[in-house]
Amino acid sequence: MRAGAKVQRGLPGLRSDHLQVLAGPESKWLDRELLGCKFKDGRLAKRFRRLIEQTEDAVGESIPHACQDWANTKAAYRFFANPRVNEDDILGGHFAATRERVAERTEPVLVLHDTTEFSFQRGDPDAIGFTRVMNRGRHKTERRKHHKVCGVLMHSALTVTMEGLPLGLAAATFWTRKKFKGDSARQRGNLKRMPIEAKESARWPANLRLASERLGPERCVHVTDREGDIYEFLCTAAEAGTHFLIRSHVDRWAGAGDHTIADEMAEVAVKGLHRIEVVNERGEKRQATLEIKYRKVRVLPPVGKQKHLPALTLTVIHAVERDPPNRGGKTINWKLVTDLQVSSSEEAIEKLQWYAMRWKIEVFHKILKSACKIEDSKLRTADRLVNMIAVFCVLSWRIFWMTMVNRASPAAPPAAALTDLEIKLLDHLVADRSTTPPEGTLSRYITKTAQLGGYLARANDPPPGNKLMWKGLTRLTDIALGAIAGAKIMGN
C-alpha cells in the first residue's frame, strides 16, 4: 500500500483505473522484433523475451542486477550457455523486422559494414579466444614482448536511411582467432594469393550476400571504409545485383593494364567544389573546400587472380581538400569507388554524403560497448559471450533508433516509439517548456524522455545524444514498472 501511495503522489491526476487500463501488453516494438525468431524449443523463445525485457530495464548493468533474483539469473546464464541457442536464433526476429522496415520505404537504403572487437580480462583466455597480438615493449634482453588480447570480433551490417535513421541489422558475424599468421607468411606473399574463402576477410562478401538476400539486392547500397576495399567484395556485389560505395586504398591496375587508377585520375580536371564543416579531435570546427573529380574506369583484378575474377567498370570519385591547413587537422583526401552512375558534380557530392553516413555504424558499436558495457561481462566462453552480445544488439539498435528518429521524423506520432502508458507518464512527470517541441509529435516525447536522463532542453542545446537517451529510457521503464505495480496494489 505504501508503494501505491508513493506512485499516486508522483502522478497527480492519473487515477488507479487509468493505470489498470494501460497496464496491458505494452512492448509493441518488442513484439515486432521477436516475431520472426525461430527457436528449437518454445520455452527458449519465452526465456528470450523475458531476458530482453529484463536487460532493457537495466541497460549497462550486470546480468544479476537485471534479473534481480537468483532464479532468473540462473535462467539467463542457462540461456546463454544452451547449445541449442546461437546468434542467428537470437537475431532472426530482428533481421526479419529490419527487412519489414526497409520494405516500408520507397527509396534505397545504405548498408554500412564494419568490424569491431570486444576485449575481456580472463585468467583462462583460451576458453574465449583471441583477437590480436599487441607489442608491449621490450625485455631487458631487448627482445620484444608480445601479448595476446582475449576477446570476440563482430562484423556487422547496419541498415540506415539516406537521412541516417537506423532501420536495424541486416547481418552479423562473430568469431575469434585461434591462430595468428606471422609476418613471414606476409613477406612470402602467400596471403595475397590465397583464395578469400581461406582468409578472415571472407566475412566481407559473406555479409554483403546475406544482407542483400534479406533486404533485396536492388534496394541496397553497401558502404564500407578502406578495410572493405577487397576485389572479391566488388565481384560479389556484381554477382548479387546489388550496389556498393567503398573508400579505396588500393591503387589497382586500370584500362588495358598499362597504368593504374591514380594515373588515370591524374588526367581528370576538377569538375566541382564542395564545402563542408570539419571537426577535429579537439572539437574545433573549420570550413574545408573539396575539389571533386570523377570518371568511369575499367578496373582490373589483382595480378594473381586475373584468371578467375573479371574486370569491372566502376566510377571513381576523388574529393581532395583545397588549401589544407598547415597544422591542427588532417587533410581530407577521399577516394571512392562505386558501381553507381555518376554523371554530374551534384551526383558525385551525393555519393560523398552517403559515404559520410558510414560513421553511424561506429556509433552503433560504441553504444554496445559504452551503454551496454559488454566488455564488463564475466561470461567465460566465446559461445556464451556471442549470445549475450546478440541480445544487446537488439537493445543497442533500439537506443540508436530512438535517438535518431527524433531528428529524422520529428513530426511522427509518439506511438511510433512509445507505449500509451509511457506517453501518459511523460506528460505527468516532465513539465512543458517554451522549448518543448509541438504537442502530439514524437519529438516532444523523445525530448521529455531525454530530460529524464539529464537533458536540459535549453533553446540552444543540440538534440539529445545516445547516452542521454538510454539513461532516460532506463528511468522511464523503471517508472512504468512502478506505475503498473502500483496499479495492481491499489486495485487489490
Protein backbone atom coordinates (compact mmCIF):
# COMPACT_ATOMS: atom_id res chain seq x y z
CA MET A 1 0.00 0.00 0.00
CA ARG A 2 2.83 2.39 0.74
CA ALA A 3 4.27 1.70 -2.72
CA GLY A 4 0.91 2.53 -4.29
CA ALA A 5 0.64 5.76 -2.33
CA LYS A 6 4.11 6.75 -3.49
CA VAL A 7 3.16 6.27 -7.15
CA GLN A 8 -0.03 8.25 -6.62
CA ARG A 9 1.84 11.22 -5.17
CA GLY A 10 4.25 11.21 -8.09
CA LEU A 11 1.45 11.13 -10.70
CA PRO A 12 -1.12 13.79 -9.85
CA GLY A 13 -4.35 13.41 -11.79
CA LEU A 14 -3.59 9.88 -13.01
CA ARG A 15 -6.06 7.54 -11.31
CA SER A 16 -5.63 3.88 -10.45
CA ASP A 17 -8.21 2.77 -13.02
CA HIS A 18 -6.26 4.62 -15.73
CA LEU A 19 -3.13 2.65 -14.82
CA GLN A 20 -5.01 -0.65 -14.86
CA VAL A 21 -6.30 0.07 -18.37
CA LEU A 22 -2.81 0.99 -19.58
CA ALA A 23 -1.03 -1.92 -17.91
CA GLY A 24 -1.78 -4.42 -20.68
CA PRO A 25 0.70 -5.73 -23.29
CA GLU A 26 2.91 -2.69 -23.84
CA SER A 27 6.02 -3.94 -25.67
CA LYS A 28 4.82 -3.29 -29.22
CA TRP A 29 8.33 -2.71 -30.51
CA LEU A 30 9.49 -5.93 -28.87
CA ASP A 31 6.63 -7.91 -30.41
CA ARG A 32 7.85 -6.84 -33.84
CA GLU A 33 11.49 -7.64 -33.11
CA LEU A 34 10.71 -11.14 -31.80
CA LEU A 35 8.02 -12.18 -34.27
CA GLY A 36 10.48 -13.76 -36.70
CA CYS A 37 12.52 -15.63 -34.07
CA LYS A 38 12.59 -19.40 -34.59
CA PHE A 39 13.98 -21.24 -31.59
CA LYS A 40 14.17 -25.02 -31.41
CA ASP A 41 12.05 -25.00 -28.26
CA GLY A 42 9.13 -22.73 -27.37
CA ARG A 43 10.47 -22.39 -23.84
CA LEU A 44 13.64 -20.82 -25.22
CA ALA A 45 11.55 -18.21 -27.05
CA LYS A 46 9.74 -17.32 -23.81
CA ARG A 47 13.00 -17.08 -21.90
CA PHE A 48 14.49 -14.89 -24.65
CA ARG A 49 11.59 -12.46 -24.43
CA ARG A 50 11.88 -12.35 -20.65
CA LEU A 51 15.62 -11.75 -20.92
CA ILE A 52 15.14 -8.85 -23.36
CA GLU A 53 12.57 -7.27 -21.04
CA GLN A 54 14.89 -7.62 -18.05
CA THR A 55 18.00 -6.25 -19.77
CA GLU A 56 16.00 -3.40 -21.34
CA ASP A 57 15.16 -2.28 -17.82
CA ALA A 58 18.83 -2.31 -16.77
CA VAL A 59 20.97 -1.37 -19.78
CA GLY A 60 24.61 -1.21 -18.73
CA GLU A 61 24.10 -3.25 -15.56
CA SER A 62 25.24 -6.81 -14.82
CA ILE A 63 23.05 -9.83 -15.56
CA PRO A 64 22.33 -10.43 -11.82
CA HIS A 65 21.27 -6.78 -11.45
CA ALA A 66 18.97 -7.02 -14.48
CA CYS A 67 17.44 -10.32 -13.37
CA GLN A 68 17.03 -9.28 -9.70
CA ASP A 69 16.99 -12.79 -8.21
CA TRP A 70 19.00 -16.00 -8.42
CA ALA A 71 16.30 -18.00 -10.24
CA ASN A 72 16.10 -15.52 -13.15
CA THR A 73 19.87 -15.00 -13.15
CA LYS A 74 20.48 -18.76 -13.40
CA ALA A 75 17.88 -19.00 -16.19
CA ALA A 76 19.68 -16.23 -18.12
CA TYR A 77 23.04 -17.97 -17.75
CA ARG A 78 21.50 -21.23 -18.91
CA PHE A 79 20.04 -19.48 -21.95
CA PHE A 80 23.44 -18.07 -22.93
CA ALA A 81 25.10 -21.48 -22.41
CA ASN A 82 22.40 -23.56 -24.14
CA PRO A 83 23.94 -25.42 -27.14
CA ARG A 84 20.59 -25.14 -28.94
CA VAL A 85 20.82 -21.32 -28.94
CA ASN A 86 23.04 -19.32 -31.28
CA GLU A 87 23.28 -15.75 -32.55
CA ASP A 88 21.16 -16.48 -35.62
CA ASP A 89 18.29 -17.70 -33.42
CA ILE A 90 18.53 -14.57 -31.27
CA LEU A 91 18.83 -12.08 -34.15
CA GLY A 92 16.49 -13.86 -36.58
CA GLY A 93 13.46 -11.84 -35.50
CA HIS A 94 15.41 -8.57 -35.65
CA PHE A 95 16.64 -9.39 -39.17
CA ALA A 96 13.03 -10.02 -40.23
CA ALA A 97 11.87 -6.75 -38.63
CA THR A 98 14.68 -4.89 -40.40
CA ARG A 99 13.51 -6.34 -43.71
CA GLU A 100 9.97 -5.10 -42.99
CA ARG A 101 11.19 -1.60 -42.15
CA VAL A 102 13.20 -1.48 -45.38
CA ALA A 103 10.19 -2.71 -47.39
CA GLU A 104 8.07 0.12 -45.99
CA ARG A 105 10.35 2.70 -47.62
CA THR A 106 10.37 3.64 -51.29
CA GLU A 107 13.96 4.91 -51.61
CA PRO A 108 17.16 2.82 -51.49
CA VAL A 109 18.89 2.23 -48.15
CA LEU A 110 22.53 2.30 -47.11
CA VAL A 111 24.01 -0.89 -45.63
CA LEU A 112 27.03 0.08 -43.51
CA HIS A 113 29.69 -2.58 -42.93
CA ASP A 114 32.37 -2.57 -40.24
CA THR A 115 34.22 -4.79 -37.77
CA THR A 116 34.65 -4.20 -34.05
CA GLU A 117 36.23 -6.20 -31.25
CA PHE A 118 35.21 -6.84 -27.65
CA SER A 119 38.11 -7.40 -25.25
CA PHE A 120 37.91 -9.25 -21.93
CA GLN A 121 40.24 -9.84 -19.00
CA ARG A 122 40.32 -13.58 -18.20
CA GLY A 123 42.54 -15.91 -16.23
CA ASP A 124 41.90 -18.61 -18.86
CA PRO A 125 41.72 -16.72 -22.18
CA ASP A 126 41.85 -19.93 -24.25
CA ALA A 127 38.20 -20.60 -23.36
CA ILE A 128 37.25 -17.49 -25.33
CA GLY A 129 39.95 -16.99 -27.96
CA PHE A 130 41.99 -14.06 -29.13
CA THR A 131 41.53 -11.02 -31.33
CA ARG A 132 45.06 -9.75 -31.94
CA VAL A 133 48.63 -9.61 -30.68
CA MET A 134 49.93 -6.42 -29.06
CA ASN A 135 53.52 -5.34 -28.64
CA ARG A 136 54.25 -4.45 -25.01
CA GLY A 137 57.72 -3.06 -25.47
CA ARG A 138 60.99 -4.92 -24.92
CA HIS A 139 62.52 -7.19 -22.33
CA LYS A 140 65.77 -6.21 -20.68
CA THR A 141 67.36 -8.54 -23.22
CA GLU A 142 65.98 -6.28 -25.99
CA ARG A 143 63.58 -8.98 -27.19
CA ARG A 144 60.08 -7.73 -27.91
CA LYS A 145 57.28 -8.74 -25.52
CA HIS A 146 54.00 -9.77 -27.13
CA HIS A 147 50.60 -10.03 -25.50
CA LYS A 148 47.55 -11.79 -26.94
CA VAL A 149 44.29 -9.87 -26.46
CA CYS A 150 41.42 -12.09 -25.33
CA GLY A 151 38.10 -11.31 -26.99
CA VAL A 152 35.45 -11.71 -29.69
CA LEU A 153 35.18 -9.93 -33.04
CA MET A 154 31.92 -8.92 -34.70
CA HIS A 155 31.40 -7.89 -38.31
CA SER A 156 28.01 -6.22 -38.70
CA ALA A 157 25.93 -4.73 -41.49
CA LEU A 158 23.72 -1.88 -40.24
CA THR A 159 20.91 -0.58 -42.46
CA VAL A 160 20.19 3.16 -42.39
CA THR A 161 18.05 5.51 -44.45
CA MET A 162 19.50 8.31 -46.53
CA GLU A 163 18.69 10.62 -43.59
CA GLY A 164 20.66 8.40 -41.20
CA LEU A 165 17.78 6.68 -39.38
CA PRO A 166 18.96 3.17 -38.36
CA LEU A 167 16.50 0.53 -39.54
CA GLY A 168 18.35 -2.38 -37.95
CA LEU A 169 20.99 -5.01 -38.57
CA ALA A 170 20.87 -6.99 -41.80
CA ALA A 171 23.73 -9.36 -40.93
CA ALA A 172 26.21 -10.07 -38.13
CA THR A 173 29.15 -12.46 -37.97
CA PHE A 174 31.10 -13.38 -34.82
CA TRP A 175 34.45 -15.14 -34.48
CA THR A 176 37.70 -15.41 -32.54
CA ARG A 177 41.19 -16.12 -33.77
CA LYS A 178 42.70 -19.40 -32.64
CA LYS A 179 45.95 -18.93 -34.54
CA PHE A 180 47.87 -15.93 -35.81
CA LYS A 181 49.61 -15.80 -39.15
CA GLY A 182 53.13 -14.50 -38.73
CA ASP A 183 54.91 -11.79 -40.67
CA SER A 184 56.92 -14.40 -42.56
CA ALA A 185 53.79 -15.54 -44.39
CA ARG A 186 53.06 -11.96 -45.42
CA GLN A 187 56.62 -11.45 -46.64
CA ARG A 188 56.35 -14.52 -48.85
CA GLY A 189 53.18 -13.08 -50.36
CA ASN A 190 51.17 -16.22 -49.59
CA LEU A 191 48.26 -14.36 -48.01
CA LYS A 192 47.66 -12.24 -51.08
CA ARG A 193 47.46 -15.27 -53.33
CA MET A 194 45.31 -17.36 -51.01
CA PRO A 195 41.64 -17.72 -52.03
CA ILE A 196 39.45 -15.40 -50.00
CA GLU A 197 37.48 -18.37 -48.62
CA ALA A 198 40.60 -19.34 -46.66
CA LYS A 199 41.05 -15.87 -45.15
CA GLU A 200 39.30 -13.88 -42.45
CA SER A 201 38.34 -11.19 -44.99
CA ALA A 202 35.75 -13.64 -46.38
CA ARG A 203 33.35 -12.08 -43.84
CA TRP A 204 33.01 -9.01 -46.07
CA PRO A 205 31.48 -10.66 -49.19
CA ALA A 206 29.60 -13.15 -46.98
CA ASN A 207 27.80 -10.41 -45.05
CA LEU A 208 27.13 -8.48 -48.26
CA ARG A 209 25.48 -11.55 -49.75
CA LEU A 210 23.41 -12.20 -46.62
CA ALA A 211 22.26 -8.59 -46.30
CA SER A 212 21.35 -8.38 -49.99
CA GLU A 213 19.30 -11.58 -49.84
CA ARG A 214 17.41 -10.41 -46.75
CA LEU A 215 16.67 -6.87 -47.92
CA GLY A 216 16.51 -7.22 -51.70
CA PRO A 217 19.71 -6.53 -53.66
CA GLU A 218 18.30 -3.72 -55.77
CA ARG A 219 17.37 -1.74 -52.64
CA CYS A 220 20.86 -1.71 -51.09
CA VAL A 221 23.95 0.45 -51.40
CA HIS A 222 26.71 -1.23 -49.38
CA VAL A 223 29.10 1.29 -47.80
CA THR A 224 32.50 0.42 -46.32
CA ASP A 225 35.73 2.09 -45.29
CA ARG A 226 39.13 1.15 -46.70
CA GLU A 227 39.15 -2.24 -44.95
CA GLY A 228 36.32 -3.31 -47.25
CA ASP A 229 38.28 -2.48 -50.41
CA ILE A 230 38.56 -6.15 -51.39
CA TYR A 231 38.20 -7.10 -55.04
CA GLU A 232 36.14 -10.19 -54.20
CA PHE A 233 33.73 -7.89 -52.31
CA LEU A 234 33.19 -5.88 -55.51
CA CYS A 235 32.70 -9.02 -57.58
CA THR A 236 30.23 -10.45 -55.06
CA ALA A 237 28.17 -7.25 -55.28
CA ALA A 238 28.13 -7.51 -59.08
CA GLU A 239 27.05 -11.17 -58.92
CA ALA A 240 24.31 -10.39 -56.38
CA GLY A 241 22.97 -7.48 -58.44
CA THR A 242 23.44 -5.00 -55.61
CA HIS A 243 25.33 -1.69 -55.33
CA PHE A 244 28.35 -0.51 -53.36
CA LEU A 245 30.23 2.64 -52.36
CA ILE A 246 33.70 1.98 -50.96
CA ARG A 247 36.56 4.14 -49.83
CA SER A 248 39.51 2.77 -51.75
CA HIS A 249 43.07 2.31 -50.56
CA VAL A 250 44.38 0.03 -53.34
CA ASP A 251 45.72 1.66 -56.49
CA ARG A 252 44.62 -1.08 -58.87
CA TRP A 253 45.59 -1.62 -62.47
CA ALA A 254 43.19 0.03 -64.90
CA GLY A 255 42.37 0.15 -68.61
CA ALA A 256 44.45 -2.33 -70.56
CA GLY A 257 46.73 -2.95 -67.58
CA ASP A 258 49.44 -0.47 -68.55
CA HIS A 259 48.51 2.16 -65.94
CA THR A 260 46.75 2.48 -62.55
CA ILE A 261 43.61 4.21 -61.34
CA ALA A 262 45.76 7.02 -59.89
CA ASP A 263 47.41 7.59 -63.29
CA GLU A 264 44.03 7.88 -64.96
CA MET A 265 42.52 10.17 -62.31
CA ALA A 266 45.55 12.48 -62.52
CA GLU A 267 44.40 13.36 -66.04
CA VAL A 268 40.86 14.33 -64.90
CA ALA A 269 40.09 18.03 -64.44
CA VAL A 270 38.32 19.31 -61.33
CA LYS A 271 34.59 19.17 -62.08
CA GLY A 272 33.16 20.87 -59.00
CA LEU A 273 33.70 22.21 -55.50
CA HIS A 274 32.02 21.15 -52.27
CA ARG A 275 32.23 22.99 -48.96
CA ILE A 276 31.90 21.10 -45.70
CA GLU A 277 32.40 21.72 -42.00
CA VAL A 278 35.17 19.69 -40.39
CA VAL A 279 35.57 19.00 -36.65
CA ASN A 280 38.99 17.89 -35.41
CA GLU A 281 39.79 15.66 -32.42
CA ARG A 282 39.70 18.67 -30.06
CA GLY A 283 36.19 19.63 -31.19
CA GLU A 284 37.40 22.64 -33.17
CA LYS A 285 35.45 23.45 -36.34
CA ARG A 286 36.70 24.72 -39.66
CA GLN A 287 35.42 25.09 -43.22
CA ALA A 288 37.00 22.95 -45.92
CA THR A 289 36.65 23.18 -49.70
CA LEU A 290 36.88 19.91 -51.61
CA GLU A 291 37.85 19.58 -55.26
CA ILE A 292 35.67 16.94 -56.92
CA LYS A 293 36.81 14.63 -59.71
CA TYR A 294 35.05 11.59 -61.15
CA ARG A 295 35.50 9.20 -64.06
CA LYS A 296 34.29 5.81 -65.20
CA VAL A 297 37.26 3.43 -65.18
CA ARG A 298 37.85 -0.17 -66.24
CA VAL A 299 39.40 -1.77 -63.15
CA LEU A 300 41.41 -4.99 -63.29
CA PRO A 301 41.60 -7.70 -60.59
CA PRO A 302 44.87 -8.42 -58.75
CA VAL A 303 47.52 -9.98 -60.97
CA GLY A 304 47.42 -13.33 -59.20
CA LYS A 305 43.62 -13.59 -59.56
CA GLN A 306 43.03 -12.37 -63.12
CA LYS A 307 42.35 -15.90 -64.37
CA HIS A 308 39.19 -16.37 -62.30
CA LEU A 309 37.99 -12.82 -61.46
CA PRO A 310 36.56 -10.46 -64.10
CA ALA A 311 37.44 -6.85 -64.81
CA LEU A 312 34.84 -4.33 -63.60
CA THR A 313 33.74 -0.98 -64.96
CA LEU A 314 33.43 1.35 -61.96
CA THR A 315 33.07 5.04 -61.22
CA VAL A 316 35.98 6.54 -59.28
CA ILE A 317 35.36 9.70 -57.23
CA HIS A 318 38.16 11.77 -55.73
CA ALA A 319 37.49 14.52 -53.17
CA VAL A 320 40.69 16.36 -52.17
CA GLU A 321 40.85 19.37 -49.87
CA ARG A 322 41.96 22.58 -51.48
CA ASP A 323 44.37 24.69 -49.38
CA PRO A 324 44.58 22.27 -46.41
CA PRO A 325 45.62 23.67 -43.02
CA ASN A 326 49.31 23.65 -42.21
CA ARG A 327 48.55 22.19 -38.79
CA GLY A 328 45.64 21.45 -36.49
CA GLY A 329 43.85 18.90 -38.64
CA LYS A 330 44.15 16.12 -41.20
CA THR A 331 43.88 16.85 -44.89
CA ILE A 332 40.72 15.39 -46.43
CA ASN A 333 41.53 13.01 -49.27
CA TRP A 334 38.69 10.64 -50.09
CA LYS A 335 38.97 8.15 -52.93
CA LEU A 336 35.71 6.32 -53.53
CA VAL A 337 34.76 3.57 -55.99
CA THR A 338 31.19 2.66 -56.86
CA ASP A 339 29.14 0.82 -59.44
CA LEU A 340 26.56 3.62 -59.37
CA GLN A 341 26.18 6.08 -62.22
CA VAL A 342 27.79 9.50 -61.65
CA SER A 343 27.27 12.00 -64.46
CA SER A 344 27.46 15.36 -62.64
CA SER A 345 29.24 17.00 -59.74
CA GLU A 346 25.92 17.03 -57.84
CA GLU A 347 25.69 13.24 -58.12
CA ALA A 348 29.32 12.91 -57.02
CA ILE A 349 28.63 15.11 -53.96
CA GLU A 350 25.57 12.98 -53.18
CA LYS A 351 27.80 9.89 -53.05
CA LEU A 352 30.19 11.72 -50.71
CA GLN A 353 27.27 12.49 -48.40
CA TRP A 354 26.23 8.84 -48.47
CA TYR A 355 29.73 7.76 -47.53
CA ALA A 356 29.73 10.27 -44.66
CA MET A 357 26.90 8.18 -43.13
CA ARG A 358 29.38 5.35 -42.54
CA TRP A 359 30.35 6.70 -39.11
CA LYS A 360 26.90 5.71 -37.82
CA ILE A 361 27.91 2.07 -37.58
CA GLU A 362 30.76 3.17 -35.33
CA VAL A 363 28.16 4.91 -33.15
CA PHE A 364 26.19 1.66 -33.01
CA HIS A 365 29.28 -0.24 -31.88
CA LYS A 366 30.01 2.48 -29.32
CA ILE A 367 26.53 2.03 -27.82
CA LEU A 368 27.20 -1.70 -27.50
CA LYS A 369 30.42 -1.03 -25.60
CA SER A 370 29.70 2.17 -23.64
CA ALA A 371 25.97 1.95 -22.89
CA CYS A 372 25.58 -1.83 -22.67
CA LYS A 373 29.09 -2.32 -21.19
CA ILE A 374 29.53 -5.69 -22.84
CA GLU A 375 33.23 -5.80 -22.05
CA ASP A 376 32.37 -5.86 -18.32
CA SER A 377 30.72 -9.27 -18.69
CA LYS A 378 32.15 -12.19 -16.73
CA LEU A 379 30.87 -14.97 -19.01
CA ARG A 380 33.66 -17.48 -19.58
CA THR A 381 33.29 -18.87 -23.09
CA ALA A 382 33.05 -17.36 -26.55
CA ASP A 383 29.69 -19.02 -27.33
CA ARG A 384 28.06 -17.51 -24.24
CA LEU A 385 29.54 -14.09 -24.90
CA VAL A 386 28.34 -14.15 -28.51
CA ASN A 387 24.79 -14.98 -27.43
CA MET A 388 24.88 -12.13 -24.91
CA ILE A 389 26.23 -9.66 -27.50
CA ALA A 390 23.46 -10.71 -29.90
CA VAL A 391 20.83 -9.90 -27.24
CA PHE A 392 22.34 -6.46 -26.67
CA CYS A 393 22.50 -5.80 -30.43
CA VAL A 394 18.70 -5.58 -30.39
CA LEU A 395 18.71 -3.18 -27.42
CA SER A 396 21.53 -1.07 -28.90
CA TRP A 397 19.60 -0.66 -32.13
CA ARG A 398 16.55 0.40 -30.08
CA ILE A 399 18.56 3.12 -28.27
CA PHE A 400 20.14 4.33 -31.51
CA TRP A 401 16.79 4.38 -33.32
CA MET A 402 15.14 6.36 -30.51
CA THR A 403 17.93 8.93 -30.71
CA MET A 404 17.86 9.33 -34.49
CA VAL A 405 14.10 9.13 -35.09
CA ASN A 406 13.80 12.42 -33.19
CA ARG A 407 15.95 14.03 -35.87
CA ALA A 408 14.77 12.15 -38.96
CA SER A 409 10.99 12.10 -38.26
CA PRO A 410 10.22 14.64 -35.50
CA ALA A 411 6.59 15.05 -36.60
CA ALA A 412 5.80 11.32 -36.42
CA PRO A 413 3.15 10.22 -33.89
CA PRO A 414 4.57 9.35 -30.43
CA ALA A 415 3.01 5.87 -30.60
CA ALA A 416 5.65 5.01 -33.22
CA ALA A 417 8.23 4.70 -30.43
CA LEU A 418 6.47 4.76 -27.05
CA THR A 419 3.59 2.94 -25.40
CA ASP A 420 0.40 4.68 -24.23
CA LEU A 421 1.49 4.31 -20.62
CA GLU A 422 4.92 5.83 -21.31
CA ILE A 423 3.31 8.79 -23.10
CA LYS A 424 0.96 9.49 -20.20
CA LEU A 425 3.77 9.16 -17.68
CA LEU A 426 5.94 11.63 -19.59
CA ASP A 427 3.07 14.13 -19.74
CA HIS A 428 2.71 13.96 -15.95
CA LEU A 429 6.37 13.76 -14.99
CA VAL A 430 8.03 16.28 -17.32
CA ALA A 431 6.65 19.79 -17.49
CA ASP A 432 6.32 21.56 -20.84
CA ARG A 433 8.63 24.47 -21.59
CA SER A 434 8.85 27.12 -24.23
CA THR A 435 11.46 24.96 -25.96
CA THR A 436 9.33 21.78 -25.85
CA PRO A 437 8.51 20.54 -29.40
CA PRO A 438 4.88 20.74 -30.62
CA GLU A 439 2.18 18.71 -28.89
CA GLY A 440 1.28 15.35 -30.42
CA THR A 441 4.68 14.83 -32.06
CA LEU A 442 7.26 12.14 -31.43
CA SER A 443 9.92 14.81 -30.98
CA ARG A 444 8.05 16.15 -27.94
CA TYR A 445 8.17 12.83 -26.10
CA ILE A 446 11.71 11.90 -27.16
CA THR A 447 12.84 15.23 -25.68
CA LYS A 448 10.94 14.51 -22.46
CA THR A 449 12.48 11.04 -22.27
CA ALA A 450 15.94 12.55 -22.66
CA GLN A 451 15.12 15.03 -19.89
CA LEU A 452 14.63 12.07 -17.54
CA GLY A 453 18.21 11.15 -18.43
CA GLY A 454 19.60 14.61 -17.68
CA TYR A 455 18.98 16.53 -20.92
CA LEU A 456 18.42 20.23 -20.15
CA ALA A 457 16.37 21.06 -23.28
CA ARG A 458 17.59 24.66 -23.46
CA ALA A 459 16.91 26.72 -26.57
CA ASN A 460 20.45 26.39 -27.96
CA ASP A 461 21.09 22.79 -26.88
CA PRO A 462 21.70 20.25 -29.69
CA PRO A 463 19.34 17.26 -29.93
CA PRO A 464 19.88 14.67 -27.17
CA GLY A 465 22.52 12.02 -27.86
CA ASN A 466 22.60 8.27 -27.34
CA LYS A 467 23.89 8.40 -23.75
CA LEU A 468 21.11 10.70 -22.54
CA MET A 469 18.55 8.63 -24.45
CA TRP A 470 19.47 5.29 -22.89
CA LYS A 471 19.59 6.86 -19.43
CA GLY A 472 16.16 8.41 -19.97
CA LEU A 473 14.72 5.19 -21.41
CA THR A 474 16.02 3.17 -18.47
CA ARG A 475 14.48 5.56 -15.98
CA LEU A 476 11.19 5.71 -17.89
CA THR A 477 10.99 1.91 -17.91
CA ASP A 478 11.55 1.80 -14.14
CA ILE A 479 8.82 4.39 -13.61
CA ALA A 480 6.41 2.50 -15.88
CA LEU A 481 7.02 -0.73 -13.96
CA GLY A 482 6.41 1.09 -10.70
CA ALA A 483 3.18 2.55 -12.07
CA ILE A 484 1.94 -0.88 -13.17
CA ALA A 485 2.85 -2.42 -9.82
CA GLY A 486 1.16 0.44 -8.01
CA ALA A 487 -1.99 -0.01 -10.09
CA LYS A 488 -2.16 -3.68 -9.17
CA ILE A 489 -1.64 -2.95 -5.46
CA MET A 490 -4.27 -0.22 -5.40
CA GLY A 491 -6.63 -2.34 -7.47
CA ASN A 492 -6.46 -5.07 -4.84
